[in-house]
């Protein structure tokens, strides 16, 4: 029964695209977000795909994002970038893990880029926590990204990026249509687009670890939906995806493909108390 329903759902989804999106829909009336906690679990991958855990203020100055990628020859990595506040107001990486590589980037905007070689694994959950705090001068905001390093069994600080505030309201909070995405950076004519890719996403937002709330509603673009109490993004041949989802579908859970502009829901879930305690210890 599940496979038959899945086949019908897939037939209604748009053809293969270079990117799939989740557009998070926080509850109305929330306080401005200054902390986000997210999880990305890659179930099936093909090198060249960027699994963005959260993209904040994507259409505004000083926006940024974090996620994971497998570039095959260059290896796997964790990405953390923040765009310029203005033509003469550039963010700076003021602290970072010794493993991190820092550069300036340009192309789809300009800003400060950092990435860290990290051998994340299929089926494991990449967990990240990001905060925004004033630097004490009133002129800048510091964005800090932490992630849980499974190899070292601890929360590690990938980096801290200082952004000049300027007159941009987007600098000191997370917001502006929060989204997550699965982006294939290869040529769209490459046959590898038919290979299945699948990842699960969850995102909590608030002002500190004590009030982080799961965003339970989202809309999407291209191949997206809900599965195993999470949202998912997918790419690939419909038949191959049907087999992958059938193999990873959790007993007793539900799976559903989404349609454009029609919200889907996942059940509310709290962050485990030991994780909250660890995030509070980060300061």
C-alpha atoms as a PDB file:
ATOM      1  CA  UNK A   1       0.000   0.000   0.000  1.00  0.00           C
ATOM      2  CA  UNK A   2       2.769   2.456   0.934  1.00  0.00           C
ATOM      3  CA  UNK A   3       4.653   1.858  -2.313  1.00  0.00           C
ATOM      4  CA  UNK A   4       1.524   2.471  -4.402  1.00  0.00           C
ATOM      5  CA  UNK A   5       0.772   5.740  -2.618  1.00  0.00           C
ATOM      6  CA  UNK A   6       4.392   6.823  -2.977  1.00  0.00           C
ATOM      7  CA  UNK A   7       4.374   6.194  -6.729  1.00  0.00           C
ATOM      8  CA  UNK A   8       1.292   8.385  -7.162  1.00  0.00           C
ATOM      9  CA  UNK A   9       2.836  11.150  -5.039  1.00  0.00           C
ATOM     10  CA  UNK A  10       6.089  11.091  -6.961  1.00  0.00           C
ATOM     11  CA  UNK A  11       4.307  11.414 -10.278  1.00  0.00           C
ATOM     12  CA  UNK A  12       2.825  14.713  -9.119  1.00  0.00           C
ATOM     13  CA  UNK A  13       6.174  16.203  -8.100  1.00  0.00           C
ATOM     14  CA  UNK A  14       8.103  18.525 -10.428  1.00  0.00           C
ATOM     15  CA  UNK A  15      10.861  17.089 -12.577  1.00  0.00           C
ATOM     16  CA  UNK A  16      14.422  16.861 -11.317  1.00  0.00           C
ATOM     17  CA  UNK A  17      15.753  20.252 -10.250  1.00  0.00           C
ATOM     18  CA  UNK A  18      19.162  21.441  -9.122  1.00  0.00           C
ATOM     19  CA  UNK A  19      17.825  22.339  -5.667  1.00  0.00           C
ATOM     20  CA  UNK A  20      15.060  21.232  -3.327  1.00  0.00           C
ATOM     21  CA  UNK A  21      13.874  23.536  -0.534  1.00  0.00           C
ATOM     22  CA  UNK A  22      12.101  23.519   2.810  1.00  0.00           C
ATOM     23  CA  UNK A  23      10.624  26.848   3.876  1.00  0.00           C
ATOM     24  CA  UNK A  24      10.188  26.796   7.642  1.00  0.00           C
ATOM     25  CA  UNK A  25       6.970  28.290   9.058  1.00  0.00           C
ATOM     26  CA  UNK A  26       7.483  29.320  12.707  1.00  0.00           C
ATOM     27  CA  UNK A  27       4.435  30.023  14.846  1.00  0.00           C
ATOM     28  CA  UNK A  28       3.203  33.594  14.542  1.00  0.00           C
ATOM     29  CA  UNK A  29       4.045  36.101  17.247  1.00  0.00           C
ATOM     30  CA  UNK A  30       7.385  34.579  18.217  1.00  0.00           C
ATOM     31  CA  UNK A  31      10.230  36.639  19.667  1.00  0.00           C
ATOM     32  CA  UNK A  32      13.095  37.487  17.296  1.00  0.00           C
ATOM     33  CA  UNK A  33      15.286  34.394  17.005  1.00  0.00           C
ATOM     34  CA  UNK A  34      18.848  34.665  18.326  1.00  0.00           C
ATOM     35  CA  UNK A  35      19.503  30.917  18.612  1.00  0.00           C
ATOM     36  CA  UNK A  36      18.833  27.963  16.327  1.00  0.00           C
ATOM     37  CA  UNK A  37      19.454  24.245  16.787  1.00  0.00           C
ATOM     38  CA  UNK A  38      19.160  21.879  13.850  1.00  0.00           C
ATOM     39  CA  UNK A  39      19.631  18.298  12.745  1.00  0.00           C
ATOM     40  CA  UNK A  40      20.425  16.873   9.313  1.00  0.00           C
ATOM     41  CA  UNK A  41      20.562  13.141   8.680  1.00  0.00           C
ATOM     42  CA  UNK A  42      21.768  12.118   5.223  1.00  0.00           C
ATOM     43  CA  UNK A  43      20.379   8.696   4.345  1.00  0.00           C
ATOM     44  CA  UNK A  44      21.551   8.463   0.715  1.00  0.00           C
ATOM     45  CA  UNK A  45      24.045  10.743  -1.026  1.00  0.00           C
ATOM     46  CA  UNK A  46      26.013  11.282  -4.205  1.00  0.00           C
ATOM     47  CA  UNK A  47      29.140  13.502  -4.174  1.00  0.00           C
ATOM     48  CA  UNK A  48      28.552  17.126  -5.123  1.00  0.00           C
ATOM     49  CA  UNK A  49      25.423  17.765  -3.048  1.00  0.00           C
ATOM     50  CA  UNK A  50      25.241  20.450  -0.371  1.00  0.00           C
ATOM     51  CA  UNK A  51      22.842  19.634   2.468  1.00  0.00           C
ATOM     52  CA  UNK A  52      22.112  23.028   4.006  1.00  0.00           C
ATOM     53  CA  UNK A  53      20.838  22.700   7.564  1.00  0.00           C
ATOM     54  CA  UNK A  54      19.678  26.313   7.825  1.00  0.00           C
ATOM     55  CA  UNK A  55      19.831  29.355   5.572  1.00  0.00           C
ATOM     56  CA  UNK A  56      18.898  32.560   7.437  1.00  0.00           C
ATOM     57  CA  UNK A  57      17.973  35.909   5.865  1.00  0.00           C
ATOM     58  CA  UNK A  58      18.608  34.435   2.377  1.00  0.00           C
ATOM     59  CA  UNK A  59      17.466  37.551   0.533  1.00  0.00           C
ATOM     60  CA  UNK A  60      18.940  40.136   2.893  1.00  0.00           C
ATOM     61  CA  UNK A  61      22.351  41.524   3.778  1.00  0.00           C
ATOM     62  CA  UNK A  62      24.331  39.689   6.470  1.00  0.00           C
ATOM     63  CA  UNK A  63      22.429  36.467   5.802  1.00  0.00           C
ATOM     64  CA  UNK A  64      24.240  33.193   6.246  1.00  0.00           C
ATOM     65  CA  UNK A  65      24.031  29.422   6.340  1.00  0.00           C
ATOM     66  CA  UNK A  66      25.505  26.201   7.606  1.00  0.00           C
ATOM     67  CA  UNK A  67      25.430  22.658   6.294  1.00  0.00           C
ATOM     68  CA  UNK A  68      27.421  19.628   5.172  1.00  0.00           C
ATOM     69  CA  UNK A  69      28.813  18.537   1.825  1.00  0.00           C
ATOM     70  CA  UNK A  70      30.667  15.668   0.178  1.00  0.00           C
ATOM     71  CA  UNK A  71      32.970  16.811  -2.631  1.00  0.00           C
ATOM     72  CA  UNK A  72      34.552  13.396  -3.204  1.00  0.00           C
ATOM     73  CA  UNK A  73      38.116  14.453  -4.153  1.00  0.00           C
ATOM     74  CA  UNK A  74      38.179  17.316  -1.637  1.00  0.00           C
ATOM     75  CA  UNK A  75      36.411  15.196   0.963  1.00  0.00           C
ATOM     76  CA  UNK A  76      33.511  15.888   3.292  1.00  0.00           C
ATOM     77  CA  UNK A  77      33.135  19.204   5.081  1.00  0.00           C
ATOM     78  CA  UNK A  78      31.036  21.429   7.318  1.00  0.00           C
ATOM     79  CA  UNK A  79      30.254  24.877   5.897  1.00  0.00           C
ATOM     80  CA  UNK A  80      29.604  28.133   7.782  1.00  0.00           C
ATOM     81  CA  UNK A  81      29.292  31.406   5.852  1.00  0.00           C
ATOM     82  CA  UNK A  82      27.965  34.940   6.411  1.00  0.00           C
ATOM     83  CA  UNK A  83      27.359  37.537   3.703  1.00  0.00           C
ATOM     84  CA  UNK A  84      28.517  41.159   3.742  1.00  0.00           C
ATOM     85  CA  UNK A  85      26.365  43.714   5.543  1.00  0.00           C
ATOM     86  CA  UNK A  86      27.188  46.263   2.852  1.00  0.00           C
ATOM     87  CA  UNK A  87      29.750  47.089   0.140  1.00  0.00           C
ATOM     88  CA  UNK A  88      32.191  48.371   2.759  1.00  0.00           C
ATOM     89  CA  UNK A  89      30.934  46.373   5.748  1.00  0.00           C
ATOM     90  CA  UNK A  90      32.550  42.946   5.660  1.00  0.00           C
ATOM     91  CA  UNK A  91      32.182  40.122   8.197  1.00  0.00           C
ATOM     92  CA  UNK A  92      35.360  38.698   9.704  1.00  0.00           C
ATOM     93  CA  UNK A  93      36.083  35.250  11.131  1.00  0.00           C
ATOM     94  CA  UNK A  94      37.475  36.214  14.535  1.00  0.00           C
ATOM     95  CA  UNK A  95      37.895  32.727  16.008  1.00  0.00           C
ATOM     96  CA  UNK A  96      37.730  29.188  14.647  1.00  0.00           C
ATOM     97  CA  UNK A  97      38.607  25.563  15.246  1.00  0.00           C
ATOM     98  CA  UNK A  98      42.211  24.777  14.170  1.00  0.00           C
ATOM     99  CA  UNK A  99      40.821  22.459  11.484  1.00  0.00           C
ATOM    100  CA  UNK A 100      38.832  25.235   9.794  1.00  0.00           C
ATOM    101  CA  UNK A 101      39.814  26.848   6.479  1.00  0.00           C
ATOM    102  CA  UNK A 102      38.823  30.526   6.170  1.00  0.00           C
ATOM    103  CA  UNK A 103      38.309  32.422   2.891  1.00  0.00           C
ATOM    104  CA  UNK A 104      36.354  35.274   1.328  1.00  0.00           C
ATOM    105  CA  UNK A 105      33.763  34.214  -1.232  1.00  0.00           C
ATOM    106  CA  UNK A 106      31.987  35.818  -4.153  1.00  0.00           C
ATOM    107  CA  UNK A 107      29.558  34.802  -6.868  1.00  0.00           C
ATOM    108  CA  UNK A 108      26.146  34.365  -5.230  1.00  0.00           C
ATOM    109  CA  UNK A 109      26.942  37.317  -2.984  1.00  0.00           C
ATOM    110  CA  UNK A 110      30.106  38.217  -1.086  1.00  0.00           C
ATOM    111  CA  UNK A 111      31.138  37.503   2.467  1.00  0.00           C
ATOM    112  CA  UNK A 112      33.152  35.432   4.923  1.00  0.00           C
ATOM    113  CA  UNK A 113      33.340  31.692   4.300  1.00  0.00           C
ATOM    114  CA  UNK A 114      34.672  28.903   6.473  1.00  0.00           C
ATOM    115  CA  UNK A 115      34.664  25.161   6.059  1.00  0.00           C
ATOM    116  CA  UNK A 116      36.095  22.352   8.094  1.00  0.00           C
ATOM    117  CA  UNK A 117      37.094  18.933   6.757  1.00  0.00           C
ATOM    118  CA  UNK A 118      34.922  16.488   8.668  1.00  0.00           C
ATOM    119  CA  UNK A 119      34.048  12.884   7.820  1.00  0.00           C
ATOM    120  CA  UNK A 120      30.316  12.952   8.546  1.00  0.00           C
ATOM    121  CA  UNK A 121      28.615   9.602   7.994  1.00  0.00           C
ATOM    122  CA  UNK A 122      25.441   8.436   6.246  1.00  0.00           C
ATOM    123  CA  UNK A 123      22.712   7.592   8.710  1.00  0.00           C
ATOM    124  CA  UNK A 124      24.303   9.661  11.470  1.00  0.00           C
ATOM    125  CA  UNK A 125      22.802  12.973  12.528  1.00  0.00           C
ATOM    126  CA  UNK A 126      24.744  16.206  12.013  1.00  0.00           C
ATOM    127  CA  UNK A 127      23.709  18.481  14.897  1.00  0.00           C
ATOM    128  CA  UNK A 128      24.463  22.188  14.929  1.00  0.00           C
ATOM    129  CA  UNK A 129      23.754  25.142  17.223  1.00  0.00           C
ATOM    130  CA  UNK A 130      24.163  28.774  16.179  1.00  0.00           C
ATOM    131  CA  UNK A 131      23.777  31.957  18.211  1.00  0.00           C
ATOM    132  CA  UNK A 132      23.810  35.692  17.540  1.00  0.00           C
ATOM    133  CA  UNK A 133      25.063  38.034  20.242  1.00  0.00           C
ATOM    134  CA  UNK A 134      26.078  41.736  20.329  1.00  0.00           C
ATOM    135  CA  UNK A 135      29.831  42.226  20.651  1.00  0.00           C
ATOM    136  CA  UNK A 136      29.518  44.826  23.422  1.00  0.00           C
ATOM    137  CA  UNK A 137      30.294  47.876  21.288  1.00  0.00           C
ATOM    138  CA  UNK A 138      26.846  48.229  19.740  1.00  0.00           C
ATOM    139  CA  UNK A 139      28.435  48.260  16.287  1.00  0.00           C
ATOM    140  CA  UNK A 140      28.726  44.525  15.561  1.00  0.00           C
ATOM    141  CA  UNK A 141      27.007  41.168  15.982  1.00  0.00           C
ATOM    142  CA  UNK A 142      28.857  37.882  16.513  1.00  0.00           C
ATOM    143  CA  UNK A 143      27.479  34.718  14.941  1.00  0.00           C
ATOM    144  CA  UNK A 144      28.848  31.544  16.526  1.00  0.00           C
ATOM    145  CA  UNK A 145      28.442  28.038  15.128  1.00  0.00           C
ATOM    146  CA  UNK A 146      28.866  24.898  17.208  1.00  0.00           C
ATOM    147  CA  UNK A 147      28.433  21.313  16.041  1.00  0.00           C
ATOM    148  CA  UNK A 148      28.530  17.988  17.793  1.00  0.00           C
ATOM    149  CA  UNK A 149      31.804  16.247  16.909  1.00  0.00           C
ATOM    150  CA  UNK A 150      30.968  12.546  17.096  1.00  0.00           C
ATOM    151  CA  UNK A 151      34.610  11.510  16.833  1.00  0.00           C
ATOM    152  CA  UNK A 152      35.595  13.636  19.826  1.00  0.00           C
ATOM    153  CA  UNK A 153      32.226  13.196  21.576  1.00  0.00           C
ATOM    154  CA  UNK A 154      31.895  16.886  22.357  1.00  0.00           C
ATOM    155  CA  UNK A 155      30.386  20.114  21.063  1.00  0.00           C
ATOM    156  CA  UNK A 156      33.018  21.936  19.031  1.00  0.00           C
ATOM    157  CA  UNK A 157      33.049  25.580  18.013  1.00  0.00           C
ATOM    158  CA  UNK A 158      33.605  25.742  14.267  1.00  0.00           C
ATOM    159  CA  UNK A 159      33.882  29.510  14.266  1.00  0.00           C
ATOM    160  CA  UNK A 160      32.776  32.962  15.281  1.00  0.00           C
ATOM    161  CA  UNK A 161      32.015  35.536  12.587  1.00  0.00           C
ATOM    162  CA  UNK A 162      31.714  39.223  13.453  1.00  0.00           C
ATOM    163  CA  UNK A 163      29.358  41.258  11.253  1.00  0.00           C
ATOM    164  CA  UNK A 164      29.134  45.079  11.237  1.00  0.00           C
ATOM    165  CA  UNK A 165      25.538  46.032  12.032  1.00  0.00           C
ATOM    166  CA  UNK A 166      25.238  49.002   9.688  1.00  0.00           C
ATOM    167  CA  UNK A 167      21.557  49.852   9.339  1.00  0.00           C
ATOM    168  CA  UNK A 168      20.466  46.310   8.489  1.00  0.00           C
ATOM    169  CA  UNK A 169      17.789  44.737  10.675  1.00  0.00           C
ATOM    170  CA  UNK A 170      18.873  41.326   9.414  1.00  0.00           C
ATOM    171  CA  UNK A 171      22.251  41.357  11.174  1.00  0.00           C
ATOM    172  CA  UNK A 172      21.367  40.642  14.801  1.00  0.00           C
ATOM    173  CA  UNK A 173      18.706  37.901  14.453  1.00  0.00           C
ATOM    174  CA  UNK A 174      17.990  34.702  12.547  1.00  0.00           C
ATOM    175  CA  UNK A 175      15.010  35.044  10.258  1.00  0.00           C
ATOM    176  CA  UNK A 176      13.821  36.356   6.919  1.00  0.00           C
ATOM    177  CA  UNK A 177      12.284  33.151   5.556  1.00  0.00           C
ATOM    178  CA  UNK A 178      14.407  30.505   7.220  1.00  0.00           C
ATOM    179  CA  UNK A 179      14.965  27.634   4.847  1.00  0.00           C
ATOM    180  CA  UNK A 180      16.946  24.448   4.357  1.00  0.00           C
ATOM    181  CA  UNK A 181      17.911  22.955   1.038  1.00  0.00           C
ATOM    182  CA  UNK A 182      19.516  20.136  -0.910  1.00  0.00           C
ATOM    183  CA  UNK A 183      21.542  21.620  -3.763  1.00  0.00           C
ATOM    184  CA  UNK A 184      23.268  19.632  -6.471  1.00  0.00           C
ATOM    185  CA  UNK A 185      26.268  21.584  -7.731  1.00  0.00           C
ATOM    186  CA  UNK A 186      26.939  19.405 -10.753  1.00  0.00           C
ATOM    187  CA  UNK A 187      25.910  20.099 -14.349  1.00  0.00           C
ATOM    188  CA  UNK A 188      22.170  19.428 -14.660  1.00  0.00           C
ATOM    189  CA  UNK A 189      22.785  17.317 -17.773  1.00  0.00           C
ATOM    190  CA  UNK A 190      24.940  14.902 -15.770  1.00  0.00           C
ATOM    191  CA  UNK A 191      23.201  11.514 -15.429  1.00  0.00           C
ATOM    192  CA  UNK A 192      24.101  11.466 -11.720  1.00  0.00           C
ATOM    193  CA  UNK A 193      21.023  13.641 -11.142  1.00  0.00           C
ATOM    194  CA  UNK A 194      19.052  10.396 -11.495  1.00  0.00           C
ATOM    195  CA  UNK A 195      20.911   8.889  -8.515  1.00  0.00           C
ATOM    196  CA  UNK A 196      18.804   8.978  -5.333  1.00  0.00           C
ATOM    197  CA  UNK A 197      19.647  11.455  -2.575  1.00  0.00           C
ATOM    198  CA  UNK A 198      17.650  11.697   0.638  1.00  0.00           C
ATOM    199  CA  UNK A 199      18.088  13.649   3.870  1.00  0.00           C
ATOM    200  CA  UNK A 200      15.959  14.329   6.950  1.00  0.00           C
ATOM    201  CA  UNK A 201      15.741  17.796   8.541  1.00  0.00           C
ATOM    202  CA  UNK A 202      14.535  19.274  11.832  1.00  0.00           C
ATOM    203  CA  UNK A 203      14.985  22.830  13.118  1.00  0.00           C
ATOM    204  CA  UNK A 204      14.370  24.438  16.503  1.00  0.00           C
ATOM    205  CA  UNK A 205      14.507  28.220  17.070  1.00  0.00           C
ATOM    206  CA  UNK A 206      14.379  30.592  20.041  1.00  0.00           C
ATOM    207  CA  UNK A 207      16.557  32.924  22.061  1.00  0.00           C
ATOM    208  CA  UNK A 208      18.515  30.441  24.223  1.00  0.00           C
ATOM    209  CA  UNK A 209      18.651  26.683  24.889  1.00  0.00           C
ATOM    210  CA  UNK A 210      15.766  26.838  27.372  1.00  0.00           C
ATOM    211  CA  UNK A 211      13.187  28.188  24.915  1.00  0.00           C
ATOM    212  CA  UNK A 212      14.180  26.467  21.667  1.00  0.00           C
ATOM    213  CA  UNK A 213      10.984  25.289  19.952  1.00  0.00           C
ATOM    214  CA  UNK A 214      10.693  22.842  17.077  1.00  0.00           C
ATOM    215  CA  UNK A 215       9.333  24.396  13.894  1.00  0.00           C
ATOM    216  CA  UNK A 216       6.642  21.850  13.062  1.00  0.00           C
ATOM    217  CA  UNK A 217       5.274  23.400   9.863  1.00  0.00           C
ATOM    218  CA  UNK A 218       6.956  23.911   6.494  1.00  0.00           C
ATOM    219  CA  UNK A 219       6.285  24.219   2.810  1.00  0.00           C
ATOM    220  CA  UNK A 220       8.660  23.095   0.099  1.00  0.00           C
ATOM    221  CA  UNK A 221       9.824  23.137  -3.480  1.00  0.00           C
ATOM    222  CA  UNK A 222      10.481  20.128  -5.773  1.00  0.00           C
ATOM    223  CA  UNK A 223      10.821  16.775  -3.963  1.00  0.00           C
ATOM    224  CA  UNK A 224      10.088  17.221  -0.277  1.00  0.00           C
ATOM    225  CA  UNK A 225       7.779  15.921   2.406  1.00  0.00           C
ATOM    226  CA  UNK A 226       7.547  14.342   5.852  1.00  0.00           C
ATOM    227  CA  UNK A 227       8.996  11.062   7.009  1.00  0.00           C
ATOM    228  CA  UNK A 228       9.976   9.509  10.356  1.00  0.00           C
ATOM    229  CA  UNK A 229       8.727  12.588  12.288  1.00  0.00           C
ATOM    230  CA  UNK A 230      11.017  14.839  10.236  1.00  0.00           C
ATOM    231  CA  UNK A 231      10.884  16.792   7.001  1.00  0.00           C
ATOM    232  CA  UNK A 232      12.820  15.389   4.061  1.00  0.00           C
ATOM    233  CA  UNK A 233      14.358  16.616   0.836  1.00  0.00           C
ATOM    234  CA  UNK A 234      15.126  14.253  -2.022  1.00  0.00           C
ATOM    235  CA  UNK A 235      16.484  14.111  -5.560  1.00  0.00           C
ATOM    236  CA  UNK A 236      16.710  11.384  -8.162  1.00  0.00           C
ATOM    237  CA  UNK A 237      14.825   8.962 -10.350  1.00  0.00           C
ATOM    238  CA  UNK A 238      11.329   8.291  -8.990  1.00  0.00           C
ATOM    239  CA  UNK A 239      11.682   4.502  -9.003  1.00  0.00           C
ATOM    240  CA  UNK A 240      15.046   4.632  -7.232  1.00  0.00           C
ATOM    241  CA  UNK A 241      13.685   7.049  -4.624  1.00  0.00           C
ATOM    242  CA  UNK A 242      10.692   4.787  -4.085  1.00  0.00           C
ATOM    243  CA  UNK A 243      13.036   1.918  -3.251  1.00  0.00           C
ATOM    244  CA  UNK A 244      15.219   4.057  -0.966  1.00  0.00           C
ATOM    245  CA  UNK A 245      12.311   5.500   0.996  1.00  0.00           C
ATOM    246  CA  UNK A 246      10.722   2.076   1.280  1.00  0.00           C
ATOM    247  CA  UNK A 247      13.963   0.747   2.762  1.00  0.00           C
ATOM    248  CA  UNK A 248      14.417   3.608   5.257  1.00  0.00           C
ATOM    249  CA  UNK A 249      10.780   4.117   6.229  1.00  0.00           C
ATOM    250  CA  UNK A 250      10.457   3.606  10.004  1.00  0.00           C
ATOM    251  CA  UNK A 251       7.802   1.071  11.106  1.00  0.00           C
ATOM    252  CA  UNK A 252       4.836   2.782  12.690  1.00  0.00           C
ATOM    253  CA  UNK A 253       5.696   6.158  11.159  1.00  0.00           C
ATOM    254  CA  UNK A 254       4.204   7.917   8.158  1.00  0.00           C
ATOM    255  CA  UNK A 255       5.655   9.364   4.953  1.00  0.00           C
ATOM    256  CA  UNK A 256       4.104  11.913   2.630  1.00  0.00           C
ATOM    257  CA  UNK A 257       5.323  13.918  -0.350  1.00  0.00           C
ATOM    258  CA  UNK A 258       4.481  17.596  -0.261  1.00  0.00           C
ATOM    259  CA  UNK A 259       2.959  19.859  -2.862  1.00  0.00           C
ATOM    260  CA  UNK A 260       4.048  23.449  -3.641  1.00  0.00           C
ATOM    261  CA  UNK A 261       2.806  26.069  -1.148  1.00  0.00           C
ATOM    262  CA  UNK A 262       0.794  23.521   0.868  1.00  0.00           C
ATOM    263  CA  UNK A 263       2.131  23.251   4.447  1.00  0.00           C
ATOM    264  CA  UNK A 264       2.881  19.895   6.033  1.00  0.00           C
ATOM    265  CA  UNK A 265       3.275  19.213   9.739  1.00  0.00           C
ATOM    266  CA  UNK A 266       5.474  17.023  11.922  1.00  0.00           C
ATOM    267  CA  UNK A 267       4.773  16.254  15.606  1.00  0.00           C
ATOM    268  CA  UNK A 268       6.268  18.537  18.226  1.00  0.00           C
ATOM    269  CA  UNK A 269       9.410  17.144  19.818  1.00  0.00           C
ATOM    270  CA  UNK A 270      11.601  18.428  22.630  1.00  0.00           C
ATOM    271  CA  UNK A 271      15.386  18.502  22.506  1.00  0.00           C
ATOM    272  CA  UNK A 272      16.703  15.896  24.978  1.00  0.00           C
ATOM    273  CA  UNK A 273      17.586  17.372  28.394  1.00  0.00           C
ATOM    274  CA  UNK A 274      21.234  16.305  28.163  1.00  0.00           C
ATOM    275  CA  UNK A 275      21.594  18.190  24.861  1.00  0.00           C
ATOM    276  CA  UNK A 276      19.971  21.303  26.367  1.00  0.00           C
ATOM    277  CA  UNK A 277      22.428  21.109  29.278  1.00  0.00           C
ATOM    278  CA  UNK A 278      25.352  20.809  26.876  1.00  0.00           C
ATOM    279  CA  UNK A 279      24.185  23.804  24.824  1.00  0.00           C
ATOM    280  CA  UNK A 280      23.798  25.914  27.981  1.00  0.00           C
ATOM    281  CA  UNK A 281      27.352  25.021  28.968  1.00  0.00           C
ATOM    282  CA  UNK A 282      28.608  26.530  25.696  1.00  0.00           C
ATOM    283  CA  UNK A 283      27.670  30.005  26.975  1.00  0.00           C
END
